Protein backbone atom coordinates (compact mmCIF):
# COMPACT_ATOMS: atom_id res chain seq x y z
CA MET A 1 -5.08 4.85 -8.08
CA ALA A 2 -2.42 4.54 -5.38
CA LEU A 3 -4.60 1.96 -3.61
CA LEU A 4 -4.93 0.09 -6.92
CA TRP A 5 -1.13 -0.02 -7.28
CA ILE A 6 -0.88 -1.42 -3.75
CA VAL A 7 -3.23 -4.31 -4.52
CA LEU A 8 -1.83 -5.10 -7.98
CA ILE A 9 1.85 -5.02 -6.96
CA THR A 10 1.87 -6.29 -3.37
CA ILE A 11 0.23 -9.69 -3.87
CA PRO A 12 2.35 -10.92 -6.84
CA LEU A 13 5.65 -9.65 -5.40
CA GLY A 14 4.86 -10.99 -1.93
CA ILE A 15 4.05 -14.44 -3.31
CA VAL A 16 7.11 -14.57 -5.59
CA SER A 17 9.39 -13.42 -2.77
CA ALA A 18 8.02 -16.09 -0.40
CA VAL A 19 7.99 -18.94 -2.92
CA ARG A 20 11.50 -18.07 -4.19
CA LYS A 21 12.91 -17.60 -0.70
CA ASP A 22 16.68 -16.84 -0.58
CA ARG A 23 16.93 -16.92 -4.37
CA PHE A 24 17.81 -14.11 -6.77
CA CYS A 25 14.20 -12.90 -7.15
CA ASP A 26 13.75 -12.80 -3.39
CA HIS A 27 16.98 -10.85 -2.82
CA LEU A 28 16.11 -8.41 -5.63
CA ILE A 29 12.59 -7.80 -4.28
CA ARG A 30 13.93 -7.31 -0.76
CA ILE A 31 16.48 -4.75 -1.97
CA ILE A 32 13.78 -2.87 -3.89
CA THR A 33 11.41 -2.88 -0.92
CA VAL A 34 14.12 -1.61 1.44
CA LEU A 35 14.79 1.24 -0.99
CA GLY A 36 11.07 1.90 -1.29
CA ILE A 37 10.70 2.16 2.48
CA SER A 38 13.83 4.29 2.88
CA ILE A 39 13.35 6.88 0.11
CA PRO A 40 11.22 9.87 1.22
CA ALA A 41 8.12 10.50 -0.88
CA PHE A 42 9.15 14.01 -1.92
CA TRP A 43 12.55 12.81 -3.14
CA LEU A 44 11.03 9.88 -5.05
CA GLY A 45 8.58 12.30 -6.65
CA TYR A 46 11.43 14.56 -7.82
CA LEU A 47 13.34 11.54 -9.14
CA LEU A 48 10.30 10.36 -11.12
CA LEU A 49 9.72 13.86 -12.50
CA THR A 50 13.38 14.18 -13.48
CA ALA A 51 13.42 10.76 -15.14
CA PHE A 52 10.03 10.63 -16.88
CA ALA A 53 9.11 14.29 -17.39
CA ILE A 54 12.49 15.91 -18.14
CA ARG A 55 15.01 13.27 -19.23
CA ILE A 56 12.43 11.06 -20.95
CA PRO A 57 9.42 13.37 -21.52
CA ILE A 58 6.66 10.77 -21.25
CA PHE A 59 4.72 12.88 -18.74
CA LYS A 60 4.38 16.61 -18.15
CA VAL A 61 6.01 18.33 -15.19
CA VAL A 62 2.78 20.13 -14.26
CA ASP A 63 -0.28 18.22 -15.34
CA TYR A 64 -3.58 17.29 -13.75
CA GLY A 65 -7.16 16.55 -14.70
CA ASN A 66 -6.72 13.26 -16.59
CA MET A 67 -5.85 9.65 -15.81
CA ARG A 68 -2.33 9.92 -17.25
CA SER A 69 -1.46 12.70 -14.82
CA LEU A 70 -2.31 10.38 -11.90
CA ILE A 71 0.35 7.78 -12.69
CA LEU A 72 3.49 9.41 -11.23
CA PRO A 73 1.80 10.91 -8.13
CA SER A 74 0.03 7.65 -7.35
CA ILE A 75 3.24 5.61 -7.72
CA THR A 76 5.03 8.06 -5.43
CA LEU A 77 2.26 7.84 -2.84
CA ALA A 78 2.05 4.04 -3.01
CA ALA A 79 5.78 3.19 -3.08
CA SER A 80 6.45 3.05 0.66
CA VAL A 81 3.16 1.27 1.40
CA VAL A 82 3.80 -1.32 -1.31
CA SER A 83 7.31 -1.95 0.00
CA SER A 84 6.22 -2.52 3.60
CA SER A 85 3.20 -4.57 2.48
CA VAL A 86 5.33 -6.87 0.31
CA ARG A 87 7.68 -7.60 3.21
CA MET A 88 4.77 -8.26 5.55
CA LEU A 89 2.99 -10.53 3.06
CA ARG A 90 6.21 -12.47 2.47
CA ALA A 91 6.69 -13.03 6.21
CA THR A 92 3.05 -14.04 6.68
CA ILE A 93 3.14 -16.54 3.79
CA LEU A 94 6.38 -18.09 5.06
CA GLU A 95 4.87 -18.40 8.53
CA ASN A 96 1.76 -20.12 7.17
CA LEU A 97 3.81 -22.51 5.04
CA LYS A 98 5.12 -24.01 8.29
CA LYS A 99 1.63 -24.73 9.67
CA ASP A 100 0.17 -28.22 10.06
CA TYR A 101 -2.63 -27.67 7.55
CA VAL A 102 -0.02 -27.27 4.79
CA ILE A 103 1.52 -30.65 5.67
CA TYR A 104 -1.97 -32.17 5.66
CA ALA A 105 -2.74 -30.61 2.26
CA GLN A 106 0.52 -32.00 0.86
CA ALA A 107 -0.40 -35.43 2.21
CA ARG A 108 -3.70 -35.19 0.36
CA GLY A 109 -1.77 -34.74 -2.88
CA LEU A 110 -2.57 -31.08 -3.51
CA SER A 111 -0.13 -29.21 -5.71
CA THR A 112 1.95 -26.32 -4.42
CA ALA A 113 -0.12 -23.83 -6.41
CA GLN A 114 -3.39 -25.17 -4.97
CA ILE A 115 -2.03 -25.05 -1.42
CA LEU A 116 -0.73 -21.52 -1.94
CA TRP A 117 -3.80 -19.97 -3.57
CA LYS A 118 -6.59 -21.88 -1.82
CA HIS A 119 -5.20 -22.18 1.70
CA VAL A 120 -2.04 -20.22 2.48
CA LEU A 121 -3.01 -16.96 0.78
CA LYS A 122 -6.46 -17.06 2.35
CA ASN A 123 -4.92 -17.22 5.82
CA ALA A 124 -2.20 -14.68 5.00
CA LEU A 125 -4.51 -11.93 3.73
CA PRO A 126 -6.30 -10.81 6.96
CA PRO A 127 -3.19 -9.03 8.35
CA MET A 128 -2.73 -7.42 4.94
CA VAL A 129 -6.33 -6.17 4.93
CA THR A 130 -5.71 -4.62 8.35
CA LEU A 131 -2.60 -2.86 7.05
CA PHE A 132 -4.42 -1.80 3.87
CA PHE A 133 -7.24 -0.02 5.69
CA GLN A 134 -4.85 1.60 8.14
CA ASN A 135 -2.77 2.94 5.25
CA ILE A 136 -5.74 4.59 3.54
CA GLY A 137 -6.04 7.29 6.16
CA MET A 138 -2.26 7.60 6.41
CA MET A 139 -1.93 8.06 2.65
CA ILE A 140 -4.62 10.74 2.55
CA GLY A 141 -2.92 12.54 5.41
CA GLY A 142 0.48 12.20 3.77
CA SER A 143 -0.66 13.24 0.30
CA ALA A 144 0.17 16.89 1.04
CA ILE A 145 3.87 16.42 0.20
CA VAL A 146 3.13 14.48 -2.98
CA GLU A 147 0.59 17.05 -4.13
CA SER A 148 3.13 19.83 -3.55
CA VAL A 149 5.80 18.04 -5.59
CA PHE A 150 3.47 17.43 -8.54
CA SER A 151 1.58 20.75 -8.21
CA TRP A 152 -1.67 18.87 -7.75
CA PRO A 153 -4.53 21.08 -6.43
CA GLY A 154 -5.87 18.74 -3.74
CA LEU A 155 -6.56 18.71 -0.02
CA GLY A 156 -2.88 18.47 0.84
CA THR A 157 -2.04 21.56 -1.21
CA LEU A 158 -4.91 23.38 0.46
CA CYS A 159 -3.56 22.41 3.89
CA ILE A 160 -0.01 23.57 3.10
CA SER A 161 -1.20 26.90 1.69
CA SER A 162 -3.38 27.33 4.79
CA ILE A 163 -0.36 26.73 7.03
CA PHE A 164 1.65 29.40 5.21
CA ASN A 165 -1.31 31.80 5.37
CA ARG A 166 -2.04 30.88 9.02
CA ASP A 167 -5.63 30.04 8.15
CA LEU A 168 -6.48 28.18 11.39
CA PRO A 169 -10.11 27.21 10.56
CA VAL A 170 -9.01 25.40 7.38
CA ILE A 171 -6.14 23.66 9.19
CA GLN A 172 -8.43 22.53 12.02
CA THR A 173 -11.02 21.27 9.53
CA TYR A 174 -8.35 19.35 7.61
CA VAL A 175 -7.04 17.68 10.79
CA LEU A 176 -10.59 16.82 11.87
CA PHE A 177 -11.35 15.40 8.41
CA ILE A 178 -8.26 13.15 8.46
CA GLY A 179 -9.14 11.96 12.00
CA VAL A 180 -12.68 11.09 10.91
CA LEU A 181 -11.30 9.16 7.92
CA PHE A 182 -9.05 7.10 10.22
CA VAL A 183 -12.02 6.21 12.42
CA VAL A 184 -14.33 5.42 9.47
CA PHE A 185 -11.83 3.18 7.67
CA ASN A 186 -11.00 1.28 10.88
CA LEU A 187 -14.72 0.82 11.53
CA VAL A 188 -15.28 -0.47 7.99
CA PHE A 189 -12.41 -2.92 8.43
CA ASP A 190 -13.79 -4.20 11.75
CA ILE A 191 -17.18 -4.79 10.15
CA LEU A 192 -15.72 -6.57 7.13
CA GLN A 193 -13.48 -8.72 9.31
CA THR A 194 -16.39 -9.73 11.54
CA VAL A 195 -18.51 -10.63 8.52
CA SER A 196 -15.76 -12.61 6.76
CA ASP A 197 -14.30 -14.45 9.78
CA PRO A 198 -16.63 -17.06 11.35
CA ARG A 199 -14.50 -17.15 14.52
CA LEU A 200 -15.11 -13.48 15.20
CA ARG A 201 -18.84 -13.88 14.58
CA LYS A 202 -18.92 -16.75 17.07
CA GLU A 203 -17.08 -14.68 19.71
CA SER A 204 -19.46 -11.77 19.14
């Protein structure tokens, strides 16, 4: 669900921030993303629990096993990744808007929306896909803190309890598992990029 939040939030906010450059929406999104990058995951988790489980009891403090219980942990896990991804997508879109193919598309009479969705976004997404696949392994490795905050019985909680109990085989297996995930996700990205980019296929 955290990966779903990343996709659903990053693209709209990145586009709005780039299109509305140096306007109120852009400044507001940049402030929010700076806060999202700066706030530690454990503190954000406690803030969300305090706000939406204690002050406004929409969620339960300790709850797992259903889709509703995934909302706060997944938002906490995705917040920093969404913030950095939005800033990167904004910079990539602004860079592509200065390219010659955009001037040519404007000369052909294409609207701004057509240029943005059909051309600019298509060229701006490859770096985002790279960042997305790199963050998958990082998020799984960093889920231990989030699981501890929300009392979620996952791999991260298992790793932390193993550290306290000095259970070396479990710790070694966890580290090996995370390393394998990094390698697998990078390999999947390389394959997808080669298949989707004709230039890479030609070089291969």
